[in-house]
Each structure stands twice: as structure tokens, then as C-alpha cells.
C-alpha atoms as a PDB file:
ATOM      1  CA  MET A   1      98.224 119.365 115.834  1.00  0.00           C
ATOM      2  CA  ARG A   2      99.746 117.221 118.568  1.00  0.00           C
ATOM      3  CA  ASN A   3      96.735 114.878 118.613  1.00  0.00           C
ATOM      4  CA  LEU A   4      96.956 114.448 114.852  1.00  0.00           C
ATOM      5  CA  LEU A   5     100.560 113.291 115.061  1.00  0.00           C
ATOM      6  CA  ALA A   6      99.707 110.894 117.868  1.00  0.00           C
ATOM      7  CA  LYS A   7      97.110 109.169 115.665  1.00  0.00           C
ATOM      8  CA  ILE A   8      99.572 108.273 112.913  1.00  0.00           C
ATOM      9  CA  ASP A   9     100.813 104.710 113.347  1.00  0.00           C
ATOM     10  CA  ILE A  10     104.206 104.387 111.690  1.00  0.00           C
ATOM     11  CA  GLY A  11     104.019 100.596 111.766  1.00  0.00           C
ATOM     12  CA  GLU A  12     100.794 100.652 109.800  1.00  0.00           C
ATOM     13  CA  GLN A  13     102.059 103.303 107.385  1.00  0.00           C
ATOM     14  CA  PHE A  14     105.104 101.244 106.456  1.00  0.00           C
ATOM     15  CA  TRP A  15     103.157  97.945 106.401  1.00  0.00           C
ATOM     16  CA  LEU A  16     104.699  96.736 109.660  1.00  0.00           C
ATOM     17  CA  LYS A  17     101.352  96.193 111.400  1.00  0.00           C
ATOM     18  CA  LYS A  18      97.922  95.189 110.226  1.00  0.00           C
ATOM     19  CA  ASN A  19      94.910  97.106 111.514  1.00  0.00           C
ATOM     20  CA  THR A  20      92.321  94.390 112.160  1.00  0.00           C
ATOM     21  CA  GLY A  21      89.805  96.595 113.947  1.00  0.00           C
ATOM     22  CA  ILE A  22      90.333  94.728 117.236  1.00  0.00           C
ATOM     23  CA  GLY A  23      93.785  96.178 117.723  1.00  0.00           C
ATOM     24  CA  ASN A  24      97.080  96.427 115.988  1.00  0.00           C
ATOM     25  CA  GLU A  25      98.681  93.026 115.921  1.00  0.00           C
ATOM     26  CA  PRO A  26     102.105  92.282 114.442  1.00  0.00           C
ATOM     27  CA  VAL A  27     101.801  90.652 111.040  1.00  0.00           C
ATOM     28  CA  TYR A  28     105.195  88.983 111.047  1.00  0.00           C
ATOM     29  CA  GLN A  29     105.956  85.722 112.731  1.00  0.00           C
ATOM     30  CA  SER A  30     109.637  85.745 111.754  1.00  0.00           C
ATOM     31  CA  ILE A  31     112.453  88.124 110.935  1.00  0.00           C
ATOM     32  CA  GLY A  32     112.135  87.098 107.279  1.00  0.00           C
ATOM     33  CA  GLY A  33     108.620  88.502 107.063  1.00  0.00           C
ATOM     34  CA  PHE A  34     109.775  91.738 108.633  1.00  0.00           C
ATOM     35  CA  ILE A  35     112.666  92.076 106.172  1.00  0.00           C
ATOM     36  CA  SER A  36     110.339  91.300 103.270  1.00  0.00           C
ATOM     37  CA  ALA A  37     108.125  94.190 104.326  1.00  0.00           C
ATOM     38  CA  ILE A  38     110.952  96.639 104.908  1.00  0.00           C
ATOM     39  CA  LEU A  39     112.891  95.899 101.696  1.00  0.00           C
ATOM     40  CA  PRO A  40     110.545  97.731  99.267  1.00  0.00           C
ATOM     41  CA  ASN A  41     110.700 100.800 101.542  1.00  0.00           C
ATOM     42  CA  ILE A  42     114.495 100.637 101.527  1.00  0.00           C
ATOM     43  CA  TYR A  43     114.488 100.572  97.720  1.00  0.00           C
ATOM     44  CA  VAL A  44     112.305 103.685  97.620  1.00  0.00           C
ATOM     45  CA  ILE A  45     114.582 105.543 100.056  1.00  0.00           C
ATOM     46  CA  ALA A  46     117.672 104.433  98.118  1.00  0.00           C
ATOM     47  CA  GLY A  47     116.093 105.668  94.886  1.00  0.00           C
ATOM     48  CA  ILE A  48     115.408 109.086  96.386  1.00  0.00           C
ATOM     49  CA  ILE A  49     118.975 109.335  97.700  1.00  0.00           C
ATOM     50  CA  LEU A  50     120.283 108.240  94.293  1.00  0.00           C
ATOM     51  CA  PHE A  51     118.256 110.935  92.543  1.00  0.00           C
ATOM     52  CA  LEU A  52     119.412 113.663  94.929  1.00  0.00           C
ATOM     53  CA  LEU A  53     123.053 112.592  94.573  1.00  0.00           C
ATOM     54  CA  MET A  54     122.785 112.683  90.772  1.00  0.00           C
ATOM     55  CA  VAL A  55     121.228 116.167  90.871  1.00  0.00           C
ATOM     56  CA  PHE A  56     123.880 117.413  93.318  1.00  0.00           C
ATOM     57  CA  GLY A  57     126.695 115.948  91.223  1.00  0.00           C
ATOM     58  CA  GLY A  58     125.264 117.379  88.010  1.00  0.00           C
ATOM     59  CA  PHE A  59     124.869 120.880  89.429  1.00  0.00           C
ATOM     60  CA  THR A  60     128.338 120.779  90.980  1.00  0.00           C
ATOM     61  CA  TYR A  61     129.853 119.597  87.705  1.00  0.00           C
ATOM     62  CA  ILE A  62     128.084 122.229  85.592  1.00  0.00           C
ATOM     63  CA  LYS A  63     128.805 125.059  88.023  1.00  0.00           C
ATOM     64  CA  SER A  64     132.470 124.140  88.363  1.00  0.00           C
ATOM     65  CA  ALA A  65     133.015 123.572  84.654  1.00  0.00           C
ATOM     66  CA  GLY A  66     131.695 127.059  83.928  1.00  0.00           C
ATOM     67  CA  SER A  67     134.102 128.679  86.373  1.00  0.00           C
ATOM     68  CA  SER A  68     137.145 126.526  85.465  1.00  0.00           C
ATOM     69  CA  ASP A  69     137.315 125.031  88.974  1.00  0.00           C
ATOM     70  CA  GLU A  70     139.098 121.679  88.554  1.00  0.00           C
ATOM     71  CA  GLU A  71     138.503 120.599  92.162  1.00  0.00           C
ATOM     72  CA  GLY A  72     134.766 121.232  91.834  1.00  0.00           C
ATOM     73  CA  VAL A  73     134.624 119.361  88.527  1.00  0.00           C
ATOM     74  CA  GLN A  74     136.281 116.341  90.164  1.00  0.00           C
ATOM     75  CA  LYS A  75     133.883 116.584  93.118  1.00  0.00           C
ATOM     76  CA  GLY A  76     130.914 116.565  90.723  1.00  0.00           C
ATOM     77  CA  GLN A  77     132.342 113.651  88.757  1.00  0.00           C
ATOM     78  CA  LYS A  78     132.890 111.663  91.962  1.00  0.00           C
ATOM     79  CA  ALA A  79     129.303 112.322  93.093  1.00  0.00           C
ATOM     80  CA  ILE A  80     127.899 111.192  89.741  1.00  0.00           C
ATOM     81  CA  THR A  81     130.156 108.109  89.705  1.00  0.00           C
ATOM     82  CA  ALA A  82     129.120 107.205  93.259  1.00  0.00           C
ATOM     83  CA  ALA A  83     125.450 107.581  92.304  1.00  0.00           C
ATOM     84  CA  LEU A  84     125.874 105.322  89.259  1.00  0.00           C
ATOM     85  CA  VAL A  85     127.734 102.672  91.269  1.00  0.00           C
ATOM     86  CA  GLY A  86     124.998 102.864  93.905  1.00  0.00           C
ATOM     87  CA  PHE A  87     122.372 102.435  91.198  1.00  0.00           C
ATOM     88  CA  LEU A  88     124.131  99.332  89.884  1.00  0.00           C
ATOM     89  CA  ILE A  89     124.283  97.865  93.395  1.00  0.00           C
ATOM     90  CA  ILE A  90     120.581  98.552  94.021  1.00  0.00           C
ATOM     91  CA  PHE A  91     119.644  97.178  90.602  1.00  0.00           C
ATOM     92  CA  ALA A  92     121.728  94.027  91.101  1.00  0.00           C
ATOM     93  CA  SER A  93     120.347  93.432  94.599  1.00  0.00           C
ATOM     94  CA  TYR A  94     116.770  93.685  93.330  1.00  0.00           C
ATOM     95  CA  TRP A  95     117.384  91.132  90.590  1.00  0.00           C
ATOM     96  CA  ILE A  96     119.265  88.816  92.926  1.00  0.00           C
ATOM     97  CA  ILE A  97     116.223  88.829  95.194  1.00  0.00           C
ATOM     98  CA  GLN A  98     114.019  88.091  92.185  1.00  0.00           C
ATOM     99  CA  LEU A  99     116.231  85.108  91.296  1.00  0.00           C
ATOM    100  CA  ILE A 100     116.079  83.849  94.879  1.00  0.00           C
ATOM    101  CA  GLU A 101     112.273  84.056  94.696  1.00  0.00           C
ATOM    102  CA  ILE A 102     112.245  81.989  91.496  1.00  0.00           C
ATOM    103  CA  ILE A 103     114.755  79.387  92.682  1.00  0.00           C
ATOM    104  CA  THR A 104     113.347  78.849  96.178  1.00  0.00           C
ATOM    105  CA  GLY A 105     109.678  79.605  95.514  1.00  0.00           C
ATOM    106  CA  ILE A 106     109.584  81.865  98.581  1.00  0.00           C
ATOM    107  CA  GLN A 107     107.733  85.114  97.984  1.00  0.00           C
ATOM    108  CA  ILE A 108     109.894  87.951  99.338  1.00  0.00           C
ATOM    109  CA  PHE A 109     108.146  91.003  97.870  1.00  0.00           C
ATOM    110  CA  GLY A 110     104.652  89.631  98.420  1.00  0.00           C
ATOM    111  CA  SER A 111     101.830  91.474 100.116  1.00  0.00           C
ATOM    112  CA  ASP A 112     100.560  88.462 102.075  1.00  0.00           C
ATOM    113  CA  LEU A 113     103.319  88.131 104.646  1.00  0.00           C
END
């Protein structure tokens, strides 16, 4: 099992390195290329956190509303509100990046970095 874990290259898994057969060489010549590769992964992680926060808030709200627990209801409402605000921020940031791509002509979410 230990040898299996040693063979997994995190840089290659998250598109941070390119396996050319000769060796793993960094793909990125600048910090911009690195950020362009990491940004889609950040959106996926943010989406998972958003989903879990919505589920947690929903369960807390439903459980507390059934037992007449006002503090729990407020906690659930705050979790759902925070998840929705987070979603709006993620959504807006994605579209701002899309606008920057159109205006500048620089491909940020491209695969050929």
C-alpha cells in the first residue's frame, strides 16, 4: 500500500505537471499559468463546500423547526444564507474571469498553459 501512494504524483493529478515520458517538468513559466491551472480545482472544492453547507443548514433548520428550537432555526438559516452568499460570490467571480478572458483575449481556463 505504501508503494502505491508513493507512485501518485499530486502535481500531475491536479494538472500542475506534465508527464512527458522523459521526466516530470513544470508546465508553467509564470505565476499566471499556475493560477490558471489551480482555479478550476478551487471552483470544484468551493462547490463541494457549498453543497455540504446547504445540506447542513437544511438539516439543522428542519430538525430545529420540528422541535421548536429558535436558536437552532436561526443557526440553520444563517448556514443557508452563508451558502447562498458564497454561491453568489463564486458565480460572480467565474463570470468576471470570463469577461476578463473576452476583453483581454488571454485564455485563463485553457488547457494549453
